[in-house]
Amino acid sequence: MSDAFAIQENFEVVGSDGDPIGLVDHLDQAEVKLKRKDGESGGRHHWISLDLVDKVEVQNMRVLLNVTGDEAQSRWREDQDRRELGDAEGARGPSVTT
């Protein structure tokens, strides 16, 4: 994803079907961390792989995904998932190169 570094806090994340997924908290390695205080989050942080990002609309403050909202939610990782991974991948995450 060449536009990954254009992703900013509070950008809306939207599935390919137009379903809202959440709001960006920040980039966390090769993932987008979503805010936990967003209506879609259920009070927990979620991480979406940058592989799911189709494009970034900077002027509209939107991150458009290449999967539907339901698919994105079925593939996102939660706080507990990352803790279970420990230092293996969850704490560091894969590296991002440009």
N, C-alpha and C. Protein backbone atom coordinates (compact mmCIF):
# COMPACT_ATOMS: atom_id res chain seq x y z
N MET A 1 0.85 -1.18 0.00
CA MET A 1 0.00 0.00 0.00
C MET A 1 0.88 1.23 0.00
N SER A 2 0.99 1.86 -1.12
CA SER A 2 1.88 3.01 -1.26
C SER A 2 1.35 4.26 -0.57
N ASP A 3 0.04 4.35 -0.34
CA ASP A 3 -0.56 5.52 0.29
C ASP A 3 -0.65 5.40 1.81
N ALA A 4 -0.06 4.36 2.37
CA ALA A 4 -0.22 4.08 3.79
C ALA A 4 0.17 5.26 4.67
N PHE A 5 1.21 5.96 4.31
CA PHE A 5 1.66 7.05 5.17
C PHE A 5 0.78 8.28 5.07
N ALA A 6 -0.20 8.27 4.17
CA ALA A 6 -1.17 9.36 4.08
C ALA A 6 -2.30 9.17 5.10
N ILE A 7 -2.40 7.99 5.68
CA ILE A 7 -3.45 7.70 6.66
C ILE A 7 -3.17 8.47 7.94
N GLN A 8 -4.18 9.18 8.41
CA GLN A 8 -4.04 10.02 9.59
C GLN A 8 -5.12 9.69 10.62
N GLU A 9 -4.88 10.13 11.85
CA GLU A 9 -5.84 9.95 12.93
C GLU A 9 -7.19 10.55 12.53
N ASN A 10 -8.25 9.87 12.92
CA ASN A 10 -9.65 10.26 12.70
C ASN A 10 -10.14 10.07 11.27
N PHE A 11 -9.31 9.51 10.36
CA PHE A 11 -9.82 9.16 9.04
C PHE A 11 -10.86 8.07 9.23
N GLU A 12 -11.93 8.13 8.47
CA GLU A 12 -12.97 7.11 8.50
C GLU A 12 -12.51 5.90 7.69
N VAL A 13 -12.71 4.70 8.21
CA VAL A 13 -12.38 3.47 7.50
C VAL A 13 -13.68 2.86 7.01
N VAL A 14 -13.75 2.60 5.68
CA VAL A 14 -14.99 2.17 5.05
C VAL A 14 -14.74 0.92 4.21
N GLY A 15 -15.65 -0.05 4.33
CA GLY A 15 -15.56 -1.26 3.52
C GLY A 15 -15.89 -0.97 2.07
N SER A 16 -15.60 -1.93 1.19
CA SER A 16 -15.86 -1.75 -0.24
C SER A 16 -17.35 -1.63 -0.54
N ASP A 17 -18.18 -2.05 0.40
CA ASP A 17 -19.63 -1.94 0.25
C ASP A 17 -20.19 -0.66 0.87
N GLY A 18 -19.30 0.21 1.35
CA GLY A 18 -19.72 1.47 1.95
C GLY A 18 -19.98 1.39 3.44
N ASP A 19 -19.91 0.19 4.03
CA ASP A 19 -20.14 0.05 5.46
C ASP A 19 -18.99 0.67 6.26
N PRO A 20 -19.31 1.50 7.26
CA PRO A 20 -18.26 2.07 8.11
C PRO A 20 -17.66 1.01 9.02
N ILE A 21 -16.34 1.03 9.17
CA ILE A 21 -15.63 0.07 10.01
C ILE A 21 -15.19 0.73 11.30
N GLY A 22 -14.80 1.98 11.23
CA GLY A 22 -14.33 2.69 12.42
C GLY A 22 -13.53 3.91 12.04
N LEU A 23 -12.85 4.47 13.03
CA LEU A 23 -12.00 5.64 12.84
C LEU A 23 -10.56 5.27 13.16
N VAL A 24 -9.64 5.83 12.41
CA VAL A 24 -8.22 5.54 12.61
C VAL A 24 -7.74 6.17 13.91
N ASP A 25 -7.05 5.36 14.70
CA ASP A 25 -6.32 5.86 15.87
C ASP A 25 -4.92 6.25 15.38
N HIS A 26 -4.21 5.29 14.78
CA HIS A 26 -2.91 5.57 14.17
C HIS A 26 -2.42 4.35 13.40
N LEU A 27 -1.34 4.53 12.65
CA LEU A 27 -0.69 3.41 11.99
C LEU A 27 0.17 2.70 13.02
N ASP A 28 0.13 1.38 13.01
CA ASP A 28 0.88 0.57 13.96
C ASP A 28 1.59 -0.51 13.14
N GLN A 29 2.79 -0.21 12.71
CA GLN A 29 3.56 -1.10 11.83
C GLN A 29 2.80 -1.27 10.52
N ALA A 30 2.44 -2.49 10.15
CA ALA A 30 1.76 -2.76 8.88
C ALA A 30 0.25 -2.90 9.08
N GLU A 31 -0.26 -2.22 10.10
CA GLU A 31 -1.68 -2.29 10.40
C GLU A 31 -2.22 -0.90 10.73
N VAL A 32 -3.52 -0.76 10.53
CA VAL A 32 -4.23 0.44 10.95
C VAL A 32 -4.91 0.11 12.27
N LYS A 33 -4.57 0.87 13.30
CA LYS A 33 -5.21 0.70 14.61
C LYS A 33 -6.44 1.59 14.63
N LEU A 34 -7.58 1.00 14.98
CA LEU A 34 -8.83 1.75 15.05
C LEU A 34 -9.12 2.20 16.47
N LYS A 35 -9.79 3.33 16.59
CA LYS A 35 -10.15 3.86 17.91
C LYS A 35 -11.11 2.92 18.62
N ARG A 36 -10.95 2.82 19.91
CA ARG A 36 -11.83 1.95 20.69
C ARG A 36 -13.09 2.66 21.14
N LYS A 37 -13.13 3.97 21.04
CA LYS A 37 -14.31 4.72 21.49
C LYS A 37 -15.22 5.07 20.33
N ASP A 38 -15.10 4.32 19.24
CA ASP A 38 -15.94 4.50 18.07
C ASP A 38 -17.14 3.56 18.20
N GLY A 39 -18.27 3.93 17.61
CA GLY A 39 -19.48 3.12 17.73
C GLY A 39 -19.35 1.70 17.21
N GLU A 40 -18.50 1.47 16.21
CA GLU A 40 -18.35 0.15 15.61
C GLU A 40 -17.41 -0.75 16.41
N SER A 41 -16.67 -0.21 17.36
CA SER A 41 -15.57 -0.93 18.00
C SER A 41 -15.97 -1.80 19.18
N GLY A 42 -17.11 -1.54 19.76
CA GLY A 42 -17.49 -2.29 20.95
C GLY A 42 -16.60 -1.98 22.15
N GLY A 43 -15.95 -0.81 22.13
CA GLY A 43 -15.10 -0.41 23.25
C GLY A 43 -13.72 -1.02 23.25
N ARG A 44 -13.31 -1.64 22.13
CA ARG A 44 -11.99 -2.26 22.05
C ARG A 44 -11.25 -1.75 20.81
N HIS A 45 -9.92 -1.70 20.95
CA HIS A 45 -9.09 -1.39 19.78
C HIS A 45 -9.13 -2.58 18.83
N HIS A 46 -9.09 -2.28 17.54
CA HIS A 46 -8.99 -3.31 16.51
C HIS A 46 -7.90 -2.90 15.54
N TRP A 47 -7.26 -3.88 14.92
CA TRP A 47 -6.21 -3.64 13.94
C TRP A 47 -6.60 -4.27 12.62
N ILE A 48 -6.42 -3.51 11.55
CA ILE A 48 -6.70 -4.00 10.20
C ILE A 48 -5.41 -3.94 9.41
N SER A 49 -5.09 -5.03 8.74
CA SER A 49 -3.88 -5.09 7.93
C SER A 49 -3.92 -4.07 6.80
N LEU A 50 -2.77 -3.48 6.50
CA LEU A 50 -2.69 -2.56 5.37
C LEU A 50 -2.98 -3.27 4.05
N ASP A 51 -2.88 -4.60 4.03
CA ASP A 51 -3.22 -5.36 2.82
C ASP A 51 -4.68 -5.19 2.44
N LEU A 52 -5.53 -4.79 3.39
CA LEU A 52 -6.96 -4.61 3.12
C LEU A 52 -7.28 -3.22 2.61
N VAL A 53 -6.30 -2.31 2.62
CA VAL A 53 -6.53 -0.94 2.19
C VAL A 53 -6.43 -0.85 0.67
N ASP A 54 -7.50 -0.35 0.05
CA ASP A 54 -7.53 -0.16 -1.40
C ASP A 54 -6.95 1.20 -1.76
N LYS A 55 -7.46 2.24 -1.11
CA LYS A 55 -6.91 3.58 -1.36
C LYS A 55 -7.25 4.51 -0.21
N VAL A 56 -6.53 5.62 -0.18
CA VAL A 56 -6.71 6.63 0.85
C VAL A 56 -7.17 7.92 0.18
N GLU A 57 -8.29 8.44 0.62
CA GLU A 57 -8.80 9.72 0.12
C GLU A 57 -8.48 10.78 1.16
N VAL A 58 -7.36 11.46 0.95
CA VAL A 58 -6.89 12.44 1.94
C VAL A 58 -7.89 13.58 2.09
N GLN A 59 -8.39 14.13 0.98
CA GLN A 59 -9.33 15.26 1.07
C GLN A 59 -10.61 14.88 1.79
N ASN A 60 -11.07 13.64 1.61
CA ASN A 60 -12.30 13.18 2.25
C ASN A 60 -12.05 12.53 3.61
N MET A 61 -10.76 12.43 3.99
CA MET A 61 -10.36 11.81 5.26
C MET A 61 -10.95 10.41 5.39
N ARG A 62 -10.76 9.60 4.30
CA ARG A 62 -11.32 8.25 4.29
C ARG A 62 -10.28 7.23 3.83
N VAL A 63 -10.36 6.06 4.45
CA VAL A 63 -9.56 4.91 4.05
C VAL A 63 -10.55 3.91 3.48
N LEU A 64 -10.40 3.60 2.18
CA LEU A 64 -11.31 2.67 1.52
C LEU A 64 -10.66 1.30 1.47
N LEU A 65 -11.41 0.28 1.89
CA LEU A 65 -10.88 -1.08 1.93
C LEU A 65 -11.23 -1.84 0.66
N ASN A 66 -10.51 -2.93 0.41
CA ASN A 66 -10.77 -3.77 -0.75
C ASN A 66 -11.64 -4.97 -0.39
N VAL A 67 -12.22 -4.96 0.79
CA VAL A 67 -13.14 -6.00 1.25
C VAL A 67 -14.36 -5.32 1.86
N THR A 68 -15.45 -6.07 1.98
CA THR A 68 -16.67 -5.51 2.58
C THR A 68 -16.46 -5.23 4.07
N GLY A 69 -17.37 -4.48 4.63
CA GLY A 69 -17.30 -4.19 6.06
C GLY A 69 -17.35 -5.45 6.90
N ASP A 70 -18.24 -6.38 6.55
CA ASP A 70 -18.33 -7.63 7.31
C ASP A 70 -17.04 -8.43 7.21
N GLU A 71 -16.45 -8.49 6.01
CA GLU A 71 -15.19 -9.23 5.83
C GLU A 71 -14.07 -8.58 6.65
N ALA A 72 -14.00 -7.26 6.63
CA ALA A 72 -12.97 -6.56 7.40
C ALA A 72 -13.12 -6.86 8.89
N GLN A 73 -14.35 -6.82 9.39
CA GLN A 73 -14.56 -7.09 10.81
C GLN A 73 -14.26 -8.54 11.16
N SER A 74 -14.47 -9.45 10.23
CA SER A 74 -14.14 -10.85 10.52
C SER A 74 -12.64 -11.09 10.50
N ARG A 75 -11.88 -10.18 9.88
CA ARG A 75 -10.44 -10.34 9.77
C ARG A 75 -9.64 -9.43 10.69
N TRP A 76 -10.30 -8.47 11.34
CA TRP A 76 -9.54 -7.58 12.21
C TRP A 76 -9.06 -8.31 13.44
N ARG A 77 -8.02 -7.76 14.04
CA ARG A 77 -7.48 -8.33 15.27
C ARG A 77 -7.84 -7.41 16.42
N GLU A 78 -8.02 -8.01 17.59
CA GLU A 78 -8.39 -7.25 18.77
C GLU A 78 -7.25 -7.23 19.76
N ASP A 79 -7.41 -6.44 20.82
CA ASP A 79 -6.39 -6.34 21.87
C ASP A 79 -5.92 -7.71 22.34
N GLN A 80 -6.87 -8.58 22.64
CA GLN A 80 -6.53 -9.90 23.17
C GLN A 80 -5.72 -10.71 22.15
N ASP A 81 -6.07 -10.63 20.88
CA ASP A 81 -5.33 -11.35 19.84
C ASP A 81 -3.87 -10.93 19.84
N ARG A 82 -3.62 -9.65 19.99
CA ARG A 82 -2.26 -9.13 19.96
C ARG A 82 -1.48 -9.55 21.20
N ARG A 83 -2.14 -9.56 22.36
CA ARG A 83 -1.46 -9.99 23.60
C ARG A 83 -1.08 -11.46 23.52
N GLU A 84 -1.94 -12.28 22.92
CA GLU A 84 -1.65 -13.70 22.81
C GLU A 84 -0.45 -13.96 21.91
N LEU A 85 -0.23 -13.08 20.93
CA LEU A 85 0.92 -13.23 20.05
C LEU A 85 2.21 -12.84 20.75
N GLY A 86 2.09 -12.03 21.81
CA GLY A 86 3.26 -11.60 22.57
C GLY A 86 4.26 -10.88 21.70
N ASP A 87 5.53 -11.11 21.93
CA ASP A 87 6.57 -10.45 21.18
C ASP A 87 6.77 -11.04 19.79
N ALA A 88 6.14 -12.15 19.49
CA ALA A 88 6.34 -12.79 18.19
C ALA A 88 6.02 -11.82 17.06
N GLU A 89 4.76 -11.47 16.89
CA GLU A 89 4.38 -10.53 15.85
C GLU A 89 3.55 -9.40 16.40
N GLY A 90 2.70 -9.68 17.37
CA GLY A 90 1.75 -8.69 17.87
C GLY A 90 2.38 -7.45 18.46
N ALA A 91 3.45 -7.60 19.21
CA ALA A 91 4.07 -6.45 19.85
C ALA A 91 4.85 -5.60 18.85
N ARG A 92 5.49 -6.25 17.90
CA ARG A 92 6.30 -5.53 16.94
C ARG A 92 5.55 -5.30 15.64
N GLY A 93 4.82 -6.30 15.19
CA GLY A 93 4.12 -6.23 13.91
C GLY A 93 5.12 -6.34 12.77
N PRO A 94 4.64 -6.68 11.60
CA PRO A 94 5.54 -6.77 10.46
C PRO A 94 6.01 -5.37 10.05
N SER A 95 7.13 -5.28 9.42
CA SER A 95 7.66 -3.98 9.04
C SER A 95 7.01 -3.47 7.76
N VAL A 96 6.98 -2.16 7.62
CA VAL A 96 6.43 -1.52 6.43
C VAL A 96 7.59 -0.92 5.66
N THR A 97 7.66 -1.20 4.38
CA THR A 97 8.70 -0.61 3.54
C THR A 97 8.05 0.14 2.41
N THR A 98 8.73 1.16 1.92
CA THR A 98 8.20 1.91 0.78
C THR A 98 9.21 1.94 -0.33
